[in-house]
Amino acid sequence: MTLVIVGFLANLLGNPQTLMYFVCYFLFVLLVVFGMLERVFLLRALVVLTNLLCVTTKTRPSPEDVLDDDVLDASTPDSSSQVAKSLNDNVYGNALSLERETGKVSGLWRTIRAIKNAPVVFFIKRADLTTLNKAILYVRANEATHYIWFVHFYTEPTPDAMETVAQLEESVALYNRIYPKIQLELYSVVGEFEPAAVEWISHNMQVPIHSMFLKQPSNTTMHKVSSFGVRVITG
C-alpha cells in the first residue's frame, strides 16, 4: 500500500499538469458531494441572500409612517419615547425574517419542503429499541428529511408475529415522543422480505430504493436485499 501511494505521488509530482487536473477534479467532486449533503443549508442561504438583495420599499417604513403627526405630538410628555417606540415597531417589530417566503424565493422554499418531506424507509425485523434509536440518529445526522417510515415484514399473522408488531408500535410511539421534530410511522407487511418486496414497497410508497435502509444483514435474504440497493446504516 505504501509503495502504491509513493508511486501515485511520484506520477503526480513528475507531471505538474497531471497534478493540476487531479486537484481540479478532486475539488469538483468535493463540491458536488458537499452540495448534495448540505443542499438544504445552501438553499436556505440562497433564500436569505435573495431576501437581503431584494428588499422592497414595502418592507421599509415610509417617512410618512415614521414621522406621523400623532407620534410627534409635542404636547405629549413622553413624545421622545413614543418616537423611539414607533421607530422600533416599524423597523423591527413588523420586519419579517430573512428566511421569509416571498414570491422571489417561493421556488426555493418549495424545493426545501420537498426535500424535508421526502420520507426514508428503514426495514426493522424486531422491536429493538437500540436499533431503532441508531436508525433515527443516523437519519437525523445524515439526511434532511423529517419523516422516517419503519417497515416490518412477517410471513403469517401468528401470535408471535402480532406481538412483535404490537411491540414495534409501542416503540415507534415512544420515539415519536422523544423526537418530536421527526415524524415516525410503522407499516407492517405480510410477506417475505426479498428484493421483489423492496421493489413493491418502493413503487407503492413512492420512495426510491436509495432512500431505504436496513440493519447489517445477518442472513442470505438480507444480503440479497442490500445488494439490490438498500443501504446498510447500522450494525
Protein backbone atom coordinates (compact mmCIF):
# COMPACT_ATOMS: atom_id res chain seq x y z
CA MET A 1 0.00 0.00 0.00
CA THR A 2 2.83 2.38 0.85
CA LEU A 3 4.52 1.68 -2.49
CA VAL A 4 1.27 2.38 -4.33
CA ILE A 5 0.90 5.74 -2.59
CA VAL A 6 4.55 6.63 -3.27
CA GLY A 7 4.17 5.70 -6.94
CA PHE A 8 0.96 7.71 -7.21
CA LEU A 9 2.58 10.79 -5.68
CA ALA A 10 5.66 10.39 -7.90
CA ASN A 11 3.48 10.40 -11.01
CA LEU A 12 1.64 13.49 -9.83
CA LEU A 13 4.78 15.42 -8.91
CA GLY A 14 6.59 14.32 -12.06
CA ASN A 15 3.95 15.92 -14.26
CA PRO A 16 2.60 19.22 -12.87
CA GLN A 17 -0.19 19.28 -15.46
CA THR A 18 -1.48 15.95 -14.19
CA LEU A 19 -1.38 17.31 -10.65
CA MET A 20 -3.43 20.32 -11.73
CA TYR A 21 -6.05 18.09 -13.37
CA PHE A 22 -6.17 15.92 -10.26
CA VAL A 23 -6.70 18.92 -7.96
CA CYS A 24 -9.44 20.36 -10.21
CA TYR A 25 -11.22 17.01 -10.42
CA PHE A 26 -10.91 16.46 -6.67
CA LEU A 27 -12.30 19.92 -5.87
CA PHE A 28 -15.18 19.44 -8.32
CA VAL A 29 -16.15 16.10 -6.78
CA LEU A 30 -15.81 17.59 -3.29
CA LEU A 31 -18.15 20.47 -4.20
CA VAL A 32 -20.71 18.10 -5.70
CA VAL A 33 -20.70 15.86 -2.63
CA PHE A 34 -20.93 18.86 -0.30
CA GLY A 35 -23.79 20.29 -2.33
CA MET A 36 -25.73 17.02 -2.10
CA LEU A 37 -25.16 16.59 1.63
CA GLU A 38 -25.81 20.23 2.54
CA ARG A 39 -28.38 21.12 -0.10
CA VAL A 40 -30.95 22.34 2.42
CA PHE A 41 -28.38 24.64 4.06
CA LEU A 42 -27.34 26.01 0.66
CA LEU A 43 -30.96 26.60 -0.37
CA ARG A 44 -31.68 28.42 2.91
CA ALA A 45 -28.58 30.54 2.38
CA LEU A 46 -29.90 31.43 -1.08
CA VAL A 47 -33.25 32.40 0.48
CA VAL A 48 -31.53 34.72 2.96
CA LEU A 49 -29.29 36.22 0.26
CA THR A 50 -32.22 36.78 -2.11
CA ASN A 51 -34.31 38.45 0.60
CA LEU A 52 -31.34 40.65 1.53
CA LEU A 53 -30.77 41.76 -2.05
CA CYS A 54 -34.43 42.13 -2.99
CA VAL A 55 -35.74 44.22 -0.10
CA THR A 56 -38.63 46.25 -1.43
CA THR A 57 -39.99 49.52 -0.20
CA LYS A 58 -42.92 47.63 1.26
CA THR A 59 -40.67 46.10 3.88
CA ARG A 60 -39.25 49.51 4.85
CA PRO A 61 -41.26 52.10 6.77
CA SER A 62 -42.04 55.17 4.70
CA PRO A 63 -41.16 58.63 6.05
CA GLU A 64 -44.88 59.34 6.38
CA ASP A 65 -45.33 56.29 8.61
CA VAL A 66 -42.33 57.10 10.79
CA LEU A 67 -42.96 60.84 11.05
CA ASP A 68 -46.64 60.57 11.78
CA ASP A 69 -48.25 63.68 13.29
CA ASP A 70 -49.68 61.73 16.20
CA VAL A 71 -46.28 60.27 17.03
CA LEU A 72 -44.54 63.67 17.02
CA ASP A 73 -47.15 65.44 19.07
CA ALA A 74 -45.12 67.93 21.13
CA SER A 75 -47.85 68.22 23.71
CA THR A 76 -47.31 64.62 24.74
CA PRO A 77 -44.93 64.42 27.71
CA ASP A 78 -43.24 61.23 26.52
CA SER A 79 -43.06 62.14 22.84
CA SER A 80 -39.40 61.14 22.53
CA SER A 81 -40.05 57.67 23.94
CA GLN A 82 -43.07 57.32 21.65
CA VAL A 83 -40.93 58.23 18.65
CA ALA A 84 -38.33 55.66 19.65
CA LYS A 85 -41.01 53.02 20.17
CA SER A 86 -42.60 53.86 16.82
CA LEU A 87 -39.28 53.59 15.02
CA ASN A 88 -38.57 50.29 16.72
CA ASP A 89 -42.02 48.91 15.88
CA ASN A 90 -41.79 49.99 12.25
CA VAL A 91 -38.23 48.87 11.63
CA TYR A 92 -38.03 45.76 13.80
CA GLY A 93 -41.45 44.85 15.15
CA ASN A 94 -43.07 44.45 11.73
CA ALA A 95 -39.93 43.26 9.94
CA LEU A 96 -40.12 39.74 8.61
CA SER A 97 -37.43 37.14 8.99
CA LEU A 98 -34.76 36.97 6.34
CA GLU A 99 -35.95 33.42 5.70
CA ARG A 100 -39.49 34.56 4.98
CA GLU A 101 -41.23 33.08 1.96
CA THR A 102 -41.84 35.68 -0.72
CA GLY A 103 -42.65 35.42 -4.39
CA LYS A 104 -38.98 35.65 -5.30
CA VAL A 105 -38.00 32.67 -3.13
CA SER A 106 -41.16 30.57 -3.32
CA GLY A 107 -39.47 28.13 -5.68
CA LEU A 108 -36.56 27.69 -3.28
CA TRP A 109 -38.93 27.08 -0.37
CA ARG A 110 -40.90 24.51 -2.39
CA THR A 111 -37.65 22.65 -3.02
CA ILE A 112 -36.70 22.80 0.67
CA ARG A 113 -40.09 21.47 1.73
CA ALA A 114 -39.92 18.70 -0.87
CA ILE A 115 -36.54 17.59 0.49
CA LYS A 116 -37.67 17.70 4.12
CA ASN A 117 -40.96 15.95 3.40
CA ALA A 118 -39.41 13.12 1.38
CA PRO A 119 -39.56 10.09 3.70
CA VAL A 120 -36.92 7.42 4.17
CA VAL A 121 -37.70 3.77 4.87
CA PHE A 122 -35.99 1.61 7.48
CA PHE A 123 -36.69 -2.12 7.44
CA ILE A 124 -36.98 -3.37 11.01
CA LYS A 125 -37.09 -7.05 11.99
CA ARG A 126 -37.86 -6.88 15.70
CA ALA A 127 -38.70 -4.33 18.40
CA ASP A 128 -35.14 -3.46 19.34
CA LEU A 129 -35.01 -0.01 20.93
CA THR A 130 -31.27 0.28 20.33
CA THR A 131 -31.60 -0.43 16.62
CA LEU A 132 -34.50 1.99 16.27
CA ASN A 133 -32.57 4.71 18.06
CA LYS A 134 -29.46 4.15 15.91
CA ALA A 135 -31.57 4.42 12.77
CA ILE A 136 -33.20 7.65 13.95
CA LEU A 137 -29.87 9.19 14.95
CA TYR A 138 -28.33 8.23 11.62
CA VAL A 139 -31.16 9.84 9.66
CA ARG A 140 -31.00 12.98 11.81
CA ALA A 141 -27.26 13.30 11.21
CA ASN A 142 -27.11 12.39 7.53
CA GLU A 143 -30.50 13.04 5.94
CA ALA A 144 -32.52 16.24 5.55
CA THR A 145 -35.92 14.59 5.90
CA HIS A 146 -38.29 14.85 8.86
CA TYR A 147 -40.08 11.58 8.06
CA ILE A 148 -38.97 8.02 8.81
CA TRP A 149 -41.17 5.09 7.86
CA PHE A 150 -40.38 1.81 9.61
CA VAL A 151 -41.43 -1.26 7.62
CA HIS A 152 -41.76 -4.69 9.23
CA PHE A 153 -42.30 -7.91 7.27
CA TYR A 154 -43.87 -11.05 8.70
CA THR A 155 -44.95 -14.16 6.81
CA GLU A 156 -48.07 -15.15 8.76
CA PRO A 157 -50.24 -13.42 11.39
CA THR A 158 -49.21 -15.78 14.16
CA PRO A 159 -49.46 -14.73 17.83
CA ASP A 160 -45.69 -14.18 17.98
CA ALA A 161 -45.74 -12.08 14.82
CA MET A 162 -48.62 -9.93 16.06
CA GLU A 163 -46.89 -9.48 19.41
CA THR A 164 -43.80 -8.20 17.58
CA VAL A 165 -45.96 -5.76 15.61
CA ALA A 166 -47.55 -4.52 18.84
CA GLN A 167 -44.13 -4.04 20.43
CA LEU A 168 -42.94 -2.13 17.37
CA GLU A 169 -45.98 0.13 17.54
CA GLU A 170 -45.21 0.92 21.18
CA SER A 171 -41.54 1.55 20.40
CA VAL A 172 -42.32 3.87 17.50
CA ALA A 173 -44.86 5.75 19.62
CA LEU A 174 -42.22 6.13 22.33
CA TYR A 175 -39.65 7.57 19.95
CA ASN A 176 -42.28 9.87 18.45
CA ARG A 177 -42.47 11.50 21.88
CA ILE A 178 -38.69 11.51 22.34
CA TYR A 179 -38.02 13.04 18.90
CA PRO A 180 -40.96 15.41 18.28
CA LYS A 181 -39.29 17.06 15.27
CA ILE A 182 -39.25 13.78 13.34
CA GLN A 183 -42.44 12.05 12.22
CA LEU A 184 -42.14 8.28 12.71
CA GLU A 185 -44.60 5.79 11.24
CA LEU A 186 -44.78 2.00 11.27
CA TYR A 187 -46.02 -0.17 8.41
CA SER A 188 -46.38 -3.93 8.82
CA VAL A 189 -46.44 -6.02 5.65
CA VAL A 190 -47.44 -9.67 5.29
CA GLY A 191 -44.95 -11.37 3.00
CA GLU A 192 -41.36 -12.46 2.50
CA PHE A 193 -38.62 -9.87 2.81
CA GLU A 194 -36.92 -10.12 -0.57
CA PRO A 195 -35.84 -7.84 -3.45
CA ALA A 196 -39.26 -8.09 -5.13
CA ALA A 197 -40.91 -6.91 -1.91
CA VAL A 198 -38.50 -3.98 -1.70
CA GLU A 199 -39.39 -3.03 -5.28
CA TRP A 200 -43.09 -3.23 -4.39
CA ILE A 201 -42.58 -1.01 -1.33
CA SER A 202 -40.63 1.50 -3.41
CA HIS A 203 -43.38 1.63 -6.05
CA ASN A 204 -46.33 1.87 -3.67
CA MET A 205 -44.76 4.26 -1.16
CA GLN A 206 -43.02 6.27 -3.89
CA VAL A 207 -39.71 6.09 -2.06
CA PRO A 208 -36.56 5.49 -4.13
CA ILE A 209 -34.55 2.42 -3.16
CA HIS A 210 -31.51 4.53 -2.33
CA SER A 211 -33.63 6.12 0.44
CA MET A 212 -34.22 2.75 2.10
CA PHE A 213 -32.09 1.41 4.93
CA LEU A 214 -31.66 -1.73 6.96
CA LYS A 215 -29.58 -3.15 9.75
CA GLN A 216 -26.38 -5.00 8.91
CA PRO A 217 -27.52 -8.15 7.04
CA SER A 218 -27.47 -11.36 9.05
CA ASN A 219 -28.77 -13.88 6.52
CA THR A 220 -28.70 -14.61 2.81
CA THR A 221 -32.03 -12.94 2.06
CA MET A 222 -30.99 -9.67 3.67
CA HIS A 223 -27.68 -9.79 1.80
CA LYS A 224 -29.65 -10.07 -1.45
CA VAL A 225 -31.79 -7.09 -0.45
CA SER A 226 -28.76 -4.99 0.46
CA SER A 227 -27.09 -5.85 -2.84
CA PHE A 228 -30.31 -4.71 -4.55
CA GLY A 229 -29.57 -1.12 -3.50
CA VAL A 230 -30.89 -0.83 0.07
CA ARG A 231 -28.34 0.94 2.26
CA VAL A 232 -26.86 -0.63 5.40
CA ILE A 233 -26.62 2.04 8.10
CA THR A 234 -26.28 0.34 11.48
CA GLY A 235 -24.70 -2.75 12.96
